[in-house]
Amino acid sequence: MKDVLIYCDGSSLGNGRDEPRAASVALLGFRGVWRAFGEYLGEATNQQAEVAAAALGLEQLREPCRVTVMSDSRYVVETMSGRFRRKSNHEWWARLDKAADKHQVKWQWLKGHAGHVAQEAVDKAARKIAALGHADEEALSKAAAVAAETFKAGD
C-alpha cells in the first residue's frame, strides 16, 4: 500500500450568519509530489467545510492506501477517531465515511495557525476559494508548491 499524507482545511466566511461562503481544500503528498484540490461549497458551516475537506482528499485516491490525515479540526479528528458522537451533519459524515472506507487512515490533529507551513497553505487556499466563490487553480498551485518546497527542505 502507498503511504499518503493529506493536509486538509475548510473555511466558512460568514459562518453562523445569513449567507456563509464555504470551501474545502486538501493537499496530498506522495513520494515528494504534492497536489492540491479544492471545492467551493456555498452555504455550509465551518464544521461542514472541515468534514468536506477531509473527504475531498481521500476521494482523490484511486486505490487503497495508508493515509495520515492532518487537520486543525478537532471536530473531524475526534469524531473519526471515535471519541466524539455524531449529533448532526450526517450527510457530510456519510461522504467522509465513504471516502475513508477503503483506506487505512490515521487521523492527526494539528493546532491551527501555529506556523505549520503546509497547514497554513491549505487554510489560505480554502479562505481564498470561499471568498471568490469558486475553486481557484492559482491558490491550489501555490499550496502545492509551498508543500513541495517545505518538505524538500525537511519540515
Protein backbone atom coordinates (compact mmCIF):
# COMPACT_ATOMS: atom_id res chain seq x y z
CA MET A 1 0.00 0.00 0.00
CA LYS A 2 1.11 3.52 -0.75
CA ASP A 3 1.72 5.90 2.16
CA VAL A 4 -0.03 9.21 1.54
CA LEU A 5 -0.09 12.38 3.64
CA ILE A 6 -3.10 14.69 3.46
CA TYR A 7 -3.38 18.17 4.92
CA CYS A 8 -6.92 19.49 4.81
CA ASP A 9 -8.85 22.55 5.91
CA GLY A 10 -12.25 24.08 5.45
CA SER A 11 -13.32 27.68 5.69
CA SER A 12 -16.72 29.29 6.05
CA LEU A 13 -16.66 33.06 5.68
CA GLY A 14 -19.68 34.46 7.48
CA ASN A 15 -20.11 31.23 9.46
CA GLY A 16 -23.28 31.42 11.54
CA ARG A 17 -24.63 34.45 9.64
CA ASP A 18 -27.12 34.78 6.79
CA GLU A 19 -25.06 33.83 3.75
CA PRO A 20 -21.90 31.88 4.58
CA ARG A 21 -19.49 31.10 1.74
CA ALA A 22 -17.62 27.88 2.40
CA ALA A 23 -14.81 25.99 0.73
CA SER A 24 -12.64 22.98 1.38
CA VAL A 25 -9.07 22.21 0.35
CA ALA A 26 -6.96 19.07 0.57
CA LEU A 27 -3.25 18.82 -0.10
CA LEU A 28 -1.98 15.32 -0.94
CA GLY A 29 1.64 14.24 -0.75
CA PHE A 30 3.13 11.02 -2.06
CA ARG A 31 6.88 10.46 -2.53
CA GLY A 32 7.64 14.17 -2.68
CA VAL A 33 4.90 15.01 -5.17
CA TRP A 34 2.21 17.36 -3.88
CA ARG A 35 -1.18 18.14 -5.41
CA ALA A 36 -3.91 20.39 -4.06
CA PHE A 37 -7.65 20.01 -4.61
CA GLY A 38 -10.36 22.45 -3.67
CA GLU A 39 -14.08 22.92 -3.95
CA TYR A 40 -16.50 25.72 -3.30
CA LEU A 41 -19.31 24.51 -1.05
CA GLY A 42 -21.58 27.55 -0.97
CA GLU A 43 -23.73 27.85 2.13
CA ALA A 44 -22.05 25.45 4.54
CA THR A 45 -20.84 25.84 8.09
CA ASN A 46 -17.21 25.74 9.11
CA GLN A 47 -17.68 22.25 10.58
CA GLN A 48 -19.23 21.00 7.33
CA ALA A 49 -16.36 22.52 5.34
CA GLU A 50 -13.82 20.77 7.58
CA VAL A 51 -15.54 17.40 7.06
CA ALA A 52 -15.74 18.02 3.30
CA ALA A 53 -12.02 18.87 3.15
CA ALA A 54 -11.03 15.51 4.62
CA ALA A 55 -13.44 13.71 2.28
CA LEU A 56 -12.12 15.64 -0.71
CA GLY A 57 -8.58 14.50 -0.03
CA LEU A 58 -9.49 10.86 0.44
CA GLU A 59 -11.72 10.89 -2.66
CA GLN A 60 -8.68 11.65 -4.84
CA LEU A 61 -7.04 8.31 -4.02
CA ARG A 62 -7.65 5.71 -6.72
CA GLU A 63 -6.53 2.64 -4.76
CA PRO A 64 -6.43 1.59 -1.11
CA CYS A 65 -3.66 3.49 0.73
CA ARG A 66 -2.23 4.04 4.20
CA VAL A 67 -3.14 7.66 4.83
CA THR A 68 -2.31 10.15 7.52
CA VAL A 69 -4.89 12.93 7.51
CA MET A 70 -3.68 16.12 9.18
CA SER A 71 -6.41 18.56 10.20
CA ASP A 72 -6.73 21.51 12.55
CA SER A 73 -10.32 20.43 13.18
CA ARG A 74 -10.76 18.59 16.47
CA TYR A 75 -14.34 18.01 15.31
CA VAL A 76 -13.11 15.88 12.39
CA VAL A 77 -10.19 14.16 14.11
CA GLU A 78 -12.01 13.29 17.32
CA THR A 79 -15.18 12.17 15.52
CA MET A 80 -13.34 9.97 13.03
CA SER A 81 -11.24 8.54 15.88
CA GLY A 82 -14.46 7.56 17.70
CA ARG A 83 -14.13 9.99 20.61
CA PHE A 84 -16.94 12.41 19.60
CA ARG A 85 -20.51 11.37 18.82
CA ARG A 86 -22.14 12.43 15.57
CA LYS A 87 -25.06 14.59 16.56
CA SER A 88 -25.55 16.47 13.29
CA ASN A 89 -24.18 16.88 9.76
CA HIS A 90 -24.98 13.24 8.99
CA GLU A 91 -24.86 13.65 5.19
CA TRP A 92 -21.41 15.23 5.47
CA TRP A 93 -20.16 12.37 7.67
CA ALA A 94 -21.60 9.84 5.20
CA ARG A 95 -19.45 11.38 2.45
CA LEU A 96 -16.35 11.17 4.64
CA ASP A 97 -17.10 7.60 5.75
CA LYS A 98 -17.46 6.51 2.12
CA ALA A 99 -14.20 8.24 1.17
CA ALA A 100 -12.28 6.71 4.11
CA ASP A 101 -13.77 3.23 3.83
CA LYS A 102 -11.17 1.51 1.64
CA HIS A 103 -8.12 3.11 3.26
CA GLN A 104 -6.15 2.66 6.46
CA VAL A 105 -6.49 6.13 7.92
CA LYS A 106 -4.66 7.69 10.83
CA TRP A 107 -6.32 10.92 11.98
CA GLN A 108 -3.96 13.55 13.41
CA TRP A 109 -4.83 16.93 14.84
CA LEU A 110 -2.62 19.98 14.23
CA LYS A 111 -3.04 23.23 16.08
CA GLY A 112 -4.33 25.77 13.58
CA HIS A 113 -2.46 28.99 12.90
CA ALA A 114 0.58 27.67 14.74
CA GLY A 115 3.11 28.11 11.96
CA HIS A 116 2.93 24.69 10.30
CA VAL A 117 3.61 25.69 6.70
CA ALA A 118 1.52 23.06 4.88
CA GLN A 119 -1.48 23.57 7.16
CA GLU A 120 -1.25 27.33 6.72
CA ALA A 121 -1.14 26.84 2.92
CA VAL A 122 -4.40 24.83 2.85
CA ASP A 123 -6.04 27.33 5.21
CA LYS A 124 -5.08 30.22 2.95
CA ALA A 125 -6.33 28.41 -0.17
CA ALA A 126 -9.65 27.50 1.48
CA ARG A 127 -10.25 31.08 2.58
CA LYS A 128 -9.45 32.39 -0.92
CA ILE A 129 -11.80 29.90 -2.61
CA ALA A 130 -14.57 30.75 -0.14
CA ALA A 131 -14.10 34.46 -0.83
CA LEU A 132 -14.04 34.01 -4.62
CA GLY A 133 -16.98 31.63 -4.76
CA HIS A 134 -15.19 29.08 -6.97
CA ALA A 135 -12.15 26.81 -6.94
CA ASP A 136 -9.06 28.80 -7.80
CA GLU A 137 -6.23 26.99 -9.58
CA GLU A 138 -3.68 29.65 -8.64
CA ALA A 139 -4.40 29.26 -4.91
CA LEU A 140 -4.24 25.46 -5.21
CA SER A 141 -0.99 25.57 -7.19
CA LYS A 142 0.56 27.85 -4.57
CA ALA A 143 -0.46 25.48 -1.76
CA ALA A 144 1.11 22.52 -3.58
CA ALA A 145 4.29 24.49 -4.30
CA VAL A 146 4.59 25.55 -0.65
CA ALA A 147 4.28 21.93 0.49
CA ALA A 148 6.78 20.69 -2.07
CA GLU A 149 9.33 23.31 -1.03
CA THR A 150 8.70 22.76 2.69
CA PHE A 151 9.08 19.01 2.58
CA LYS A 152 12.07 19.20 0.26
CA ALA A 153 13.69 21.33 2.95
CA GLY A 154 12.91 18.70 5.58
CA ASP A 155 9.98 20.26 7.52
